[in-house]
Amino acid sequence: MKIHNFSAGPCVLPKSVMEQAAAAVLNFDDGLSLLEISHRSKPFVDVMENARSLALELLGLEGKGYKALFLQGGASTQFLMVALNLLEKRAGYLNSGTWADKAIKEGKIYDDIYEVGSSKSANYNYIPKGYDIPEDYDYFHCTSNNTIFGTQMKSFPKTSIPTVCDMSSDIFSRQLDFSQFDLIYAGAQKNMGPAGTTLVVIKEDILGKVSRKIPSMMDYKTHISKGSMFNTPPVFAVYVSMLTMEWLKNLGGIKAIEEINEKKASLIYSEIDLNPLFKGYAAKEDRSIMNATFTLENENLKETFDAMCTEAGINGINGHRSVGGYRASMYNALSLDSVKALVEIMSELESKA
């Protein structure tokens, strides 16, 4: 039976990527496993350089003063690194979800952090709008997609100060002018590869402007100068991320995958809106194309619906405890057929009710 993986993370990966990665574990370089080769060997150095180059190419940032890094510690470490490297006096944060709230908490360790807008009082079911960003702030931080609550920023404020964006759960999923961001970070495990590495894309000229001493491991300039090789990198996670980016490039890049993602999102949201048994959680104008959150109007049907999903091979749709209900994560590698399978179960439940 085919398993339809709607897990919010680690993400579903393309079958071809899984096959290549599995083969490399057994034999990557003349009989050596990917897991045992030296990270200083030419074969892996080539992997790292290719991965960094692909990231900039897919985002359209080649030759524009950006560097791509593959670091460790997840997006949670970036909450800290951003503040350490960029925060001198004060910064503005948009509080649109759990991870944005955690980023604010980390930033406050070092200096003044101000919430320019927040949807916390509504349990983050919408993206704040109409806020102002003072021009004397060191930077503005936002989260493009909120995995837990199923909301996504559809536009980004224009400002003269550096813009930092956590794109962990929608990186490479839709076309944007990525040059409007001065720093982008994304944990690989949501839309790019296995857990263990974090992509950071940074415009070099925003660095070196804080007065504090930054520990070497937490300094972006350290990692840029060493080509993401300051310490032993997460070899397997970087390799699989590279394969996934190659898969995306061969598919036609972000433009091609966005068209597929829009079809998947349209299909499931149409069912949520038309089926009286279900109700969407996020405000319609802010719905994520990556994570659809919804609840059952009649909780007495939960056991039946869950059993139907299990029988159909639907996996990973339980909602986060902060929201309840269900969450269908539709990352790049999830097929349209998988979304169709879930929608068919939702429709079948209506016919039985």
Protein backbone atom coordinates (compact mmCIF):
# COMPACT_ATOMS: atom_id res chain seq x y z
CA MET A 1 0.00 0.00 0.00
CA LYS A 2 1.29 3.45 -0.89
CA ILE A 3 1.84 5.69 2.13
CA HIS A 4 0.86 9.33 1.67
CA ASN A 5 3.22 11.25 3.95
CA PHE A 6 1.73 14.55 5.16
CA SER A 7 4.14 14.88 8.07
CA ALA A 8 5.06 18.44 9.06
CA GLY A 9 8.69 17.41 9.40
CA PRO A 10 10.91 15.66 8.64
CA CYS A 11 9.56 16.22 5.18
CA VAL A 12 8.66 13.83 2.41
CA LEU A 13 11.53 13.50 -0.10
CA PRO A 14 11.52 12.62 -3.81
CA LYS A 15 11.86 8.89 -4.46
CA SER A 16 14.84 9.45 -6.76
CA VAL A 17 16.62 11.40 -4.02
CA MET A 18 16.01 8.61 -1.51
CA GLU A 19 17.40 6.04 -3.94
CA GLN A 20 20.53 8.08 -4.66
CA ALA A 21 21.10 8.75 -0.98
CA ALA A 22 20.64 5.08 -0.09
CA ALA A 23 23.17 4.06 -2.76
CA ALA A 24 25.67 6.64 -1.50
CA VAL A 25 25.44 5.25 2.03
CA LEU A 26 26.74 1.95 0.65
CA ASN A 27 29.20 3.30 -1.91
CA PHE A 28 29.86 6.96 -2.51
CA ASP A 29 33.54 7.10 -3.44
CA ASP A 30 35.41 3.99 -4.60
CA GLY A 31 33.85 1.70 -2.03
CA LEU A 32 33.65 4.22 0.79
CA SER A 33 30.28 5.08 2.28
CA LEU A 34 29.09 8.68 2.31
CA LEU A 35 28.91 8.26 6.07
CA GLU A 36 32.59 7.45 6.45
CA ILE A 37 34.45 9.60 3.91
CA SER A 38 36.50 12.56 5.04
CA HIS A 39 34.61 15.82 4.85
CA ARG A 40 37.89 17.29 3.57
CA SER A 41 38.04 14.87 0.65
CA LYS A 42 37.52 16.30 -2.82
CA PRO A 43 34.29 14.33 -3.45
CA PHE A 44 32.58 15.89 -0.44
CA VAL A 45 34.12 19.34 -0.94
CA ASP A 46 32.54 19.19 -4.40
CA VAL A 47 29.19 18.29 -2.80
CA MET A 48 29.35 21.25 -0.43
CA GLU A 49 30.33 23.69 -3.17
CA ASN A 50 27.59 22.38 -5.46
CA ALA A 51 24.98 22.61 -2.70
CA ARG A 52 25.90 26.21 -1.89
CA SER A 53 25.90 27.15 -5.57
CA LEU A 54 22.54 25.48 -6.23
CA ALA A 55 20.90 27.35 -3.36
CA LEU A 56 21.92 30.72 -4.80
CA GLU A 57 20.99 29.66 -8.34
CA LEU A 58 17.48 28.50 -7.39
CA LEU A 59 16.86 31.71 -5.43
CA GLY A 60 18.17 33.90 -8.25
CA LEU A 61 20.86 35.41 -6.03
CA GLU A 62 24.02 34.49 -7.93
CA GLY A 63 26.41 37.40 -8.35
CA LYS A 64 24.41 39.66 -6.05
CA GLY A 65 26.67 39.70 -3.01
CA TYR A 66 25.13 36.73 -1.20
CA LYS A 67 26.78 33.70 0.36
CA ALA A 68 25.08 30.36 1.02
CA LEU A 69 26.04 28.38 4.12
CA PHE A 70 25.10 24.96 5.44
CA LEU A 71 25.28 25.11 9.24
CA GLN A 72 24.10 23.06 12.20
CA GLY A 73 21.76 23.60 15.13
CA GLY A 74 18.54 24.05 13.18
CA ALA A 75 16.60 27.27 12.75
CA SER A 76 16.50 27.55 16.54
CA THR A 77 20.23 28.31 16.59
CA GLN A 78 19.64 30.97 13.92
CA PHE A 79 17.32 32.79 16.33
CA LEU A 80 20.43 33.36 18.41
CA MET A 81 22.95 33.86 15.60
CA VAL A 82 20.88 36.55 13.90
CA ALA A 83 20.80 38.63 17.07
CA LEU A 84 24.47 38.04 17.83
CA ASN A 85 25.57 39.16 14.36
CA LEU A 86 23.09 41.94 13.57
CA LEU A 87 21.60 43.37 16.76
CA GLU A 88 23.38 46.47 18.07
CA LYS A 89 20.59 48.51 19.68
CA ARG A 90 17.09 47.42 18.70
CA ALA A 91 15.23 45.35 16.12
CA GLY A 92 11.65 44.75 15.02
CA TYR A 93 10.04 41.32 14.90
CA LEU A 94 6.73 40.21 13.45
CA ASN A 95 5.15 37.73 15.85
CA SER A 96 3.10 35.46 13.60
CA GLY A 97 3.56 32.05 15.22
CA THR A 98 5.33 29.81 17.70
CA TRP A 99 8.73 29.96 15.99
CA ALA A 100 8.57 33.73 15.55
CA ASP A 101 7.77 33.99 19.26
CA LYS A 102 10.80 31.85 20.09
CA ALA A 103 13.01 34.00 17.85
CA ILE A 104 11.87 37.05 19.80
CA LYS A 105 12.73 35.34 23.08
CA GLU A 106 16.29 34.62 21.92
CA GLY A 107 16.80 38.12 20.54
CA LYS A 108 15.79 39.69 23.84
CA ILE A 109 18.82 38.13 25.49
CA TYR A 110 21.06 40.64 23.73
CA ASP A 111 19.14 43.89 23.38
CA ASP A 112 15.82 45.58 22.75
CA ILE A 113 13.40 43.60 20.62
CA TYR A 114 10.08 45.16 19.64
CA GLU A 115 7.06 43.38 18.24
CA VAL A 116 5.92 45.48 15.29
CA GLY A 117 2.82 43.29 14.97
CA SER A 118 1.38 40.16 16.58
CA SER A 119 -1.48 37.70 16.11
CA LYS A 120 -0.76 35.84 19.34
CA SER A 121 -4.04 36.87 20.96
CA ALA A 122 -5.92 35.04 18.17
CA ASN A 123 -3.73 31.93 18.53
CA TYR A 124 -1.92 32.97 15.36
CA ASN A 125 -4.71 32.20 12.92
CA TYR A 126 -3.78 35.17 10.71
CA ILE A 127 -0.76 37.20 9.58
CA PRO A 128 -0.54 40.68 11.18
CA LYS A 129 -0.81 43.58 8.73
CA GLY A 130 -0.66 47.36 8.71
CA TYR A 131 2.32 47.63 11.02
CA ASP A 132 5.14 50.15 10.87
CA ILE A 133 8.86 49.38 10.90
CA PRO A 134 10.97 52.24 12.29
CA GLU A 135 13.92 53.06 10.04
CA ASP A 136 16.34 53.28 12.97
CA TYR A 137 16.00 49.57 13.80
CA ASP A 138 18.99 47.34 13.09
CA TYR A 139 16.85 44.86 11.16
CA PHE A 140 13.33 43.48 10.68
CA HIS A 141 12.66 39.77 11.28
CA CYS A 142 9.72 37.76 9.99
CA THR A 143 8.67 34.14 9.46
CA SER A 144 7.34 33.46 5.97
CA ASN A 145 5.31 30.34 6.78
CA ASN A 146 3.89 29.15 10.09
CA THR A 147 3.84 25.37 10.05
CA ILE A 148 1.81 24.87 13.20
CA PHE A 149 -1.01 27.27 12.36
CA GLY A 150 -1.08 27.01 8.56
CA THR A 151 -0.53 30.69 7.75
CA GLN A 152 1.83 32.21 5.20
CA MET A 153 2.96 35.73 4.37
CA LYS A 154 1.77 36.63 0.88
CA SER A 155 3.73 39.87 0.72
CA PHE A 156 6.59 41.43 2.64
CA PRO A 157 7.02 45.01 3.86
CA LYS A 158 9.40 47.30 2.03
CA THR A 159 11.95 48.87 4.31
CA SER A 160 15.40 50.42 4.06
CA ILE A 161 16.75 48.33 6.95
CA PRO A 162 17.96 44.72 6.56
CA THR A 163 15.18 42.14 6.34
CA VAL A 164 15.69 38.71 7.91
CA CYS A 165 13.32 35.87 7.12
CA ASP A 166 12.89 32.41 8.59
CA MET A 167 11.79 30.33 5.58
CA SER A 168 12.17 26.94 7.22
CA SER A 169 8.87 25.51 6.03
CA ASP A 170 8.42 27.07 2.60
CA ILE A 171 11.93 27.53 1.18
CA PHE A 172 12.03 26.88 -2.61
CA SER A 173 8.23 26.48 -2.77
CA ARG A 174 7.15 29.72 -4.50
CA GLN A 175 8.53 32.53 -6.57
CA LEU A 176 9.59 35.65 -4.69
CA ASP A 177 12.05 38.44 -5.23
CA PHE A 178 14.57 36.92 -2.84
CA SER A 179 16.84 39.94 -3.17
CA GLN A 180 14.41 41.81 -0.89
CA PHE A 181 15.84 39.74 1.98
CA ASP A 182 19.28 40.34 3.44
CA LEU A 183 19.35 37.08 5.37
CA ILE A 184 17.29 33.93 4.83
CA TYR A 185 17.54 30.82 6.97
CA ALA A 186 15.76 27.49 6.76
CA GLY A 187 16.05 24.20 8.59
CA ALA A 188 16.45 21.52 5.92
CA GLN A 189 13.95 19.09 7.44
CA LYS A 190 10.84 20.95 6.35
CA ASN A 191 11.24 21.16 2.56
CA MET A 192 14.79 20.34 1.54
CA GLY A 193 16.30 17.29 3.24
CA PRO A 194 16.77 15.39 6.50
CA ALA A 195 17.27 17.06 9.85
CA GLY A 196 20.84 18.03 10.66
CA THR A 197 21.65 21.05 8.55
CA THR A 198 20.34 24.56 8.11
CA LEU A 199 20.62 26.68 4.98
CA VAL A 200 21.64 30.30 5.60
CA VAL A 201 21.75 32.75 2.68
CA ILE A 202 23.24 36.07 3.69
CA LYS A 203 24.21 39.32 2.03
CA GLU A 204 27.79 39.85 3.13
CA ASP A 205 27.65 43.64 3.44
CA ILE A 206 25.27 43.52 6.45
CA LEU A 207 27.93 41.86 8.61
CA GLY A 208 30.61 43.39 10.82
CA LYS A 209 28.48 46.22 12.19
CA VAL A 210 28.02 45.17 15.80
CA SER A 211 30.40 46.11 18.61
CA ARG A 212 30.16 42.87 20.61
CA LYS A 213 32.64 40.03 20.35
CA ILE A 214 31.03 37.06 18.63
CA PRO A 215 32.17 33.51 19.43
CA SER A 216 33.81 31.96 16.37
CA MET A 217 31.20 29.22 15.99
CA MET A 218 28.38 31.78 16.06
CA ASP A 219 29.97 34.28 13.65
CA TYR A 220 28.65 34.19 10.09
CA LYS A 221 31.94 35.61 8.84
CA THR A 222 33.77 32.60 10.25
CA HIS A 223 31.60 30.19 8.28
CA ILE A 224 31.78 32.27 5.10
CA SER A 225 35.58 32.35 5.24
CA LYS A 226 35.72 28.57 5.76
CA GLY A 227 33.12 27.67 3.13
CA SER A 228 30.81 26.03 5.70
CA MET A 229 33.76 23.86 6.77
CA PHE A 230 34.82 25.57 10.02
CA ASN A 231 33.90 22.37 11.83
CA THR A 232 32.86 18.95 10.54
CA PRO A 233 29.68 19.53 8.55
CA PRO A 234 26.64 17.22 8.62
CA VAL A 235 27.75 15.31 5.53
CA PHE A 236 24.63 13.21 4.93
CA ALA A 237 22.15 16.08 5.43
CA VAL A 238 24.09 18.37 3.08
CA TYR A 239 24.34 15.66 0.43
CA VAL A 240 20.60 14.90 0.49
CA SER A 241 19.80 18.62 0.41
CA MET A 242 22.03 18.92 -2.66
CA LEU A 243 20.21 16.03 -4.34
CA THR A 244 16.85 17.60 -3.55
CA MET A 245 17.92 20.92 -5.05
CA GLU A 246 19.18 19.11 -8.16
CA TRP A 247 15.80 17.37 -8.40
CA LEU A 248 14.05 20.73 -8.16
CA LYS A 249 16.31 22.31 -10.78
CA ASN A 250 15.66 19.43 -13.20
CA LEU A 251 11.94 19.77 -12.59
CA GLY A 252 12.07 23.39 -13.81
CA GLY A 253 13.01 25.22 -10.62
CA ILE A 254 10.82 27.22 -8.27
CA LYS A 255 8.47 28.38 -11.04
CA ALA A 256 7.58 24.78 -11.90
CA ILE A 257 7.13 23.59 -8.33
CA GLU A 258 5.00 26.62 -7.42
CA GLU A 259 2.47 25.65 -10.08
CA ILE A 260 2.24 22.15 -8.60
CA ASN A 261 2.02 23.48 -5.06
CA GLU A 262 -0.81 25.83 -6.00
CA LYS A 263 -2.77 22.93 -7.47
CA LYS A 264 -2.32 20.87 -4.31
CA ALA A 265 -3.37 23.74 -2.07
CA SER A 266 -6.36 24.63 -4.22
CA LEU A 267 -7.57 21.04 -4.16
CA ILE A 268 -7.52 20.60 -0.39
CA TYR A 269 -8.83 24.06 0.48
CA SER A 270 -11.74 23.62 -1.95
CA GLU A 271 -12.70 20.44 -0.11
CA ILE A 272 -12.35 22.10 3.29
CA ASP A 273 -14.61 24.97 2.23
CA LEU A 274 -17.22 22.87 0.42
CA ASN A 275 -17.43 19.96 2.84
CA PRO A 276 -19.68 20.89 5.83
CA LEU A 277 -17.87 18.39 8.05
CA PHE A 278 -14.63 20.40 8.02
CA LYS A 279 -13.57 23.91 8.90
CA GLY A 280 -10.31 25.67 8.02
CA TYR A 281 -8.30 27.15 10.88
CA ALA A 282 -6.28 29.91 9.23
CA ALA A 283 -7.77 33.11 7.82
CA LYS A 284 -8.49 32.49 4.15
CA GLU A 285 -6.32 35.32 2.86
CA ASP A 286 -3.35 33.98 4.82
CA ARG A 287 -3.65 30.26 4.12
CA SER A 288 -0.39 28.43 3.60
CA ILE A 289 0.25 26.42 0.44
CA MET A 290 2.55 24.21 2.50
CA ASN A 291 0.47 23.42 5.61
CA ALA A 292 -3.33 23.20 5.53
CA THR A 293 -4.87 23.24 9.01
CA PHE A 294 -8.47 22.20 9.60
CA THR A 295 -10.82 20.70 12.17
CA LEU A 296 -13.83 18.41 12.21
CA GLU A 297 -17.09 20.21 12.96
CA ASN A 298 -18.37 17.04 14.66
CA GLU A 299 -15.76 15.44 16.92
CA ASN A 300 -17.90 12.29 17.10
CA LEU A 301 -16.67 11.53 13.58
CA LYS A 302 -13.01 11.63 14.54
CA GLU A 303 -12.59 7.93 15.17
CA THR A 304 -14.23 7.07 11.86
CA PHE A 305 -12.20 9.62 9.91
CA ASP A 306 -8.93 8.53 11.50
CA ALA A 307 -9.64 4.87 10.67
CA MET A 308 -10.47 5.75 7.07
CA CYS A 309 -7.22 7.69 6.76
CA THR A 310 -5.18 4.83 8.18
CA GLU A 311 -6.79 2.35 5.80
CA ALA A 312 -6.01 4.63 2.84
CA GLY A 313 -2.36 5.07 3.86
CA ILE A 314 -2.79 8.70 4.94
CA ASN A 315 0.00 9.43 7.40
CA GLY A 316 1.02 12.39 9.57
CA ILE A 317 -2.08 14.58 9.47
CA ASN A 318 -2.71 15.02 13.19
CA GLY A 319 -2.74 18.70 14.07
CA HIS A 320 -0.28 20.29 16.46
CA ARG A 321 -1.43 20.36 20.08
CA SER A 322 -1.58 24.18 19.90
CA VAL A 323 -4.37 23.99 17.32
CA GLY A 324 -5.80 20.49 17.43
CA GLY A 325 -7.67 18.98 14.51
CA TYR A 326 -5.63 18.12 11.45
CA ARG A 327 -2.71 19.44 9.47
CA ALA A 328 -1.83 18.34 5.95
CA SER A 329 1.73 19.38 5.11
CA MET A 330 2.18 19.51 1.35
CA TYR A 331 5.88 20.06 0.84
CA ASN A 332 7.49 20.13 -2.60
CA ALA A 333 8.00 16.38 -2.96
CA LEU A 334 4.45 15.42 -1.95
CA SER A 335 2.56 14.36 -5.06
CA LEU A 336 -0.75 15.75 -6.23
CA ASP A 337 -2.05 12.16 -6.10
CA SER A 338 -1.44 12.09 -2.34
CA VAL A 339 -3.58 15.21 -1.87
CA LYS A 340 -6.26 13.66 -4.08
CA ALA A 341 -6.23 10.57 -1.84
CA LEU A 342 -6.83 12.67 1.27
CA VAL A 343 -9.57 14.72 -0.38
CA GLU A 344 -11.33 11.51 -1.48
CA ILE A 345 -11.41 10.30 2.14
CA MET A 346 -12.79 13.65 3.29
CA SER A 347 -15.49 13.49 0.63
CA GLU A 348 -16.28 9.86 1.45
CA LEU A 349 -16.75 10.79 5.11
CA GLU A 350 -19.36 13.35 4.08
CA SER A 351 -21.28 10.72 2.13
CA LYS A 352 -21.29 8.44 5.16
CA ALA A 353 -22.29 11.06 7.72
